[in-house]
Structure formats: structure tokens, C-alpha cells
Amino acid sequence: MKRLLYCMTLALLLTACYTTEENYKAAYDKAKERTRENMGGTIYDMSQAERVRATEIINGDSVRLLRSYFNVVDDKYENTKKFGVVVAEFDQILNARSYRDRLKQNEGFQSYVVYTNREKKYCVVAQAYDEKEPAALFIRNIKQHMKMKVLVPRPYILQRL
């Protein structure tokens, strides 16, 4: 009887101690809702809308232009140009470096990784320019320039402040 009770207790402990995707998603949604409540629902919605709305008309095209201070991860700050086309954002630096390496190897771009202070993300800059017009042209014809998948919903220009 003791052995049966011991086995049942062990089985219960082993099945109850791991995280499932449903538990993780529920905890994530709860934390996000708390952030929304602490910030105030309307302020949170306005900040999210502002993030998407930051567009500018360049060469007749509506292009998202994000102005931000950033830290260059693997290169020197002096080697960056003022306008960079961001094609991927990551929370983990390892993923950003891997994507950057594939861009360099497969596409031949002089890409680099930056950490934006505003977005709190590691952004992969595919191409960088001194003026915003060529960057907007690159975004317009991005499917012709890049064969790799762009990992942001809309590529955008990151302007160095």
C-alpha cells in the first residue's frame, strides 16, 4: 500500500511541475493586461498607435521612419550611417546576430545589429544610407533586393539621433 501511495504521489508531482504553452500564454496575457491597467488603457492604446503611425512621405511613398538613439552591438558607432533599413527585430541578441550573418552571407549586405533605446529590441539593419531617399527606395523595392524573408511586418527606416 505504501508503495502504491508513493508511486501515485511521484506521478502527480511529475505531471504537475512542468509549464505548458497554455499556462505560459495565460501568464503572458495577464501580465500584459496588468501593464495596460497600470499605464491606463487609453495611454497604452495611444502609445501603440504612435509606434505604428510614425510615417513620413518620402519620394511619394509613405514610409515608417523611427527616430531613436541606439547602441551598435558588434561594430563601431562611427561606421554606421544616419538612416538604416530595419528588416528584423529580436528580443535575443543571438537571434539578431544569426540573421545578420545570414544577410551578409546570402545577400552580400553590410548589415549590422543595433539595440534601440526606444523599442528595447535588437534590430537588424540590412542596408544603411546617408540620406533617407535611397533608404525609402530600397524599402519600396525590397523584394527585388532581398531573397530572404523580412521578419518585421513593415520594414522601416531607423534614423540615428
Protein backbone atom coordinates (compact mmCIF):
# COMPACT_ATOMS: atom_id res chain seq x y z
CA MET A 1 0.00 0.00 0.00
CA LYS A 2 2.85 2.40 0.86
CA ARG A 3 4.47 1.66 -2.47
CA LEU A 4 1.27 2.43 -4.38
CA LEU A 5 0.81 5.69 -2.48
CA TYR A 6 4.45 6.63 -3.14
CA CYS A 7 4.10 5.94 -6.90
CA MET A 8 0.87 7.94 -7.14
CA THR A 9 2.46 10.90 -5.33
CA LEU A 10 5.51 10.77 -7.58
CA ALA A 11 3.35 10.59 -10.71
CA LEU A 12 1.30 13.56 -9.53
CA LEU A 13 4.42 15.62 -8.84
CA LEU A 14 5.97 14.81 -12.21
CA THR A 15 2.89 15.74 -14.21
CA ALA A 16 2.08 18.93 -12.29
CA CYS A 17 5.51 20.57 -12.34
CA TYR A 18 6.02 21.49 -15.98
CA THR A 19 4.89 24.57 -17.85
CA THR A 20 2.54 24.12 -20.76
CA GLU A 21 2.07 26.59 -23.57
CA GLU A 22 -1.45 27.34 -22.34
CA ASN A 23 -0.14 28.23 -18.86
CA TYR A 24 2.60 30.39 -20.35
CA LYS A 25 0.16 32.22 -22.65
CA ALA A 26 -2.28 32.81 -19.78
CA ALA A 27 0.50 34.28 -17.62
CA TYR A 28 1.72 36.44 -20.52
CA ASP A 29 -1.78 37.77 -21.23
CA LYS A 30 -2.32 38.51 -17.54
CA ALA A 31 0.99 40.42 -17.31
CA LYS A 32 0.18 42.38 -20.47
CA GLU A 33 -3.23 43.28 -19.09
CA ARG A 34 -1.61 44.47 -15.84
CA THR A 35 0.73 46.67 -17.88
CA ARG A 36 -2.25 48.07 -19.73
CA GLU A 37 -4.08 48.74 -16.43
CA ASN A 38 -1.06 50.39 -14.78
CA MET A 39 -0.43 52.57 -17.79
CA GLY A 40 -4.07 53.35 -18.36
CA GLY A 41 -5.91 51.78 -21.29
CA THR A 42 -6.13 54.90 -23.43
CA ILE A 43 -2.47 55.86 -22.92
CA TYR A 44 -1.38 52.31 -23.79
CA ASP A 45 -3.51 52.30 -26.94
CA MET A 46 -2.18 55.72 -27.95
CA SER A 47 1.44 54.63 -27.47
CA GLN A 48 0.89 51.52 -29.59
CA ALA A 49 -0.82 53.57 -32.31
CA GLU A 50 2.02 56.12 -32.27
CA ARG A 51 4.53 53.32 -32.75
CA VAL A 52 2.81 52.25 -35.97
CA ARG A 53 1.83 55.73 -37.10
CA ALA A 54 5.33 57.25 -37.23
CA THR A 55 5.31 57.56 -41.02
CA GLU A 56 6.70 60.13 -43.38
CA ILE A 57 6.15 60.77 -47.09
CA ILE A 58 9.43 60.20 -48.95
CA ASN A 59 9.54 60.16 -52.77
CA GLY A 60 5.75 59.91 -52.81
CA ASP A 61 5.73 56.78 -50.62
CA SER A 62 4.51 56.51 -47.05
CA VAL A 63 7.45 55.06 -45.11
CA ARG A 64 7.70 54.34 -41.40
CA LEU A 65 10.56 56.47 -40.03
CA LEU A 66 11.63 55.84 -36.45
CA ARG A 67 13.99 58.32 -34.83
CA SER A 68 15.91 56.83 -31.93
CA TYR A 69 19.17 56.64 -30.08
CA PHE A 70 20.75 53.24 -30.40
CA ASN A 71 23.81 51.27 -29.42
CA VAL A 72 25.73 49.40 -32.10
CA VAL A 73 26.26 45.84 -30.93
CA ASP A 74 29.14 44.41 -32.95
CA ASP A 75 30.60 47.32 -34.86
CA LYS A 76 31.72 50.86 -34.15
CA TYR A 77 29.17 53.64 -33.89
CA GLU A 78 31.23 55.73 -36.34
CA ASN A 79 30.82 53.04 -39.04
CA THR A 80 27.03 53.39 -39.06
CA LYS A 81 25.18 55.74 -41.35
CA LYS A 82 22.35 58.05 -40.40
CA PHE A 83 19.48 56.07 -41.99
CA GLY A 84 19.28 52.28 -41.72
CA VAL A 85 16.64 49.95 -43.16
CA VAL A 86 15.47 47.60 -40.41
CA VAL A 87 14.27 44.21 -41.67
CA ALA A 88 14.14 42.24 -38.40
CA GLU A 89 13.67 42.82 -34.66
CA PHE A 90 14.56 40.37 -31.92
CA ASP A 91 14.47 40.17 -28.13
CA GLN A 92 17.57 37.95 -28.09
CA ILE A 93 20.96 39.12 -29.37
CA LEU A 94 21.85 35.61 -30.53
CA ASN A 95 18.93 35.55 -32.97
CA ALA A 96 19.78 39.02 -34.27
CA ARG A 97 23.40 38.07 -34.91
CA SER A 98 22.38 34.87 -36.67
CA TYR A 99 20.01 36.74 -39.01
CA ARG A 100 22.67 39.41 -39.64
CA ASP A 101 25.23 36.75 -40.54
CA ARG A 102 22.80 35.14 -42.99
CA LEU A 103 22.13 38.55 -44.58
CA LYS A 104 25.84 39.12 -45.03
CA GLN A 105 26.50 35.65 -46.39
CA ASN A 106 23.41 35.13 -48.59
CA GLU A 107 22.64 38.68 -49.72
CA GLY A 108 26.03 40.39 -49.51
CA PHE A 109 24.75 43.30 -47.41
CA GLN A 110 26.92 45.24 -44.97
CA SER A 111 24.32 44.70 -42.26
CA TYR A 112 24.77 45.23 -38.53
CA VAL A 113 22.84 44.87 -35.29
CA VAL A 114 21.76 47.77 -33.09
CA TYR A 115 19.92 47.91 -29.78
CA THR A 116 17.30 50.65 -29.85
CA ASN A 117 16.66 52.53 -26.66
CA ARG A 118 13.12 53.40 -27.70
CA GLU A 119 11.92 49.97 -28.81
CA LYS A 120 14.10 47.92 -26.42
CA LYS A 121 14.84 45.45 -29.24
CA TYR A 122 17.82 44.20 -31.19
CA CYS A 123 17.25 45.46 -34.73
CA VAL A 124 19.00 44.11 -37.80
CA VAL A 125 19.85 46.85 -40.28
CA ALA A 126 20.14 45.39 -43.78
CA GLN A 127 21.42 48.48 -45.59
CA ALA A 128 22.36 51.92 -44.33
CA TYR A 129 22.41 55.24 -46.16
CA ASP A 130 23.45 58.85 -45.54
CA GLU A 131 20.14 60.14 -46.96
CA LYS A 132 16.60 58.87 -46.38
CA GLU A 133 15.54 58.91 -50.06
CA PRO A 134 17.72 55.91 -51.09
CA ALA A 135 16.56 54.07 -47.96
CA ALA A 136 12.93 54.63 -48.94
CA LEU A 137 13.71 53.41 -52.46
CA PHE A 138 15.31 50.27 -51.00
CA ILE A 139 12.15 49.59 -48.96
CA ARG A 140 9.93 50.14 -52.00
CA ASN A 141 11.89 47.53 -54.00
CA ILE A 142 12.84 45.28 -51.09
CA LYS A 143 11.56 42.11 -52.78
CA GLN A 144 13.97 42.71 -55.66
CA HIS A 145 16.92 43.39 -53.34
CA MET A 146 16.35 40.63 -50.78
CA LYS A 147 15.55 37.00 -51.31
CA MET A 148 15.45 36.26 -47.57
CA LYS A 149 12.25 36.70 -45.61
CA VAL A 150 11.78 40.09 -43.96
CA LEU A 151 10.93 39.43 -40.31
CA VAL A 152 9.04 42.63 -39.48
CA PRO A 153 5.51 43.28 -40.75
CA ARG A 154 6.68 46.51 -42.41
CA PRO A 155 10.37 47.29 -42.92
CA TYR A 156 11.19 50.77 -41.68
CA ILE A 157 13.93 53.37 -41.60
CA LEU A 158 15.76 53.84 -38.33
CA GLN A 159 17.20 57.35 -38.11
CA ARG A 160 20.18 57.78 -35.82
CA LEU A 161 19.83 60.67 -33.41
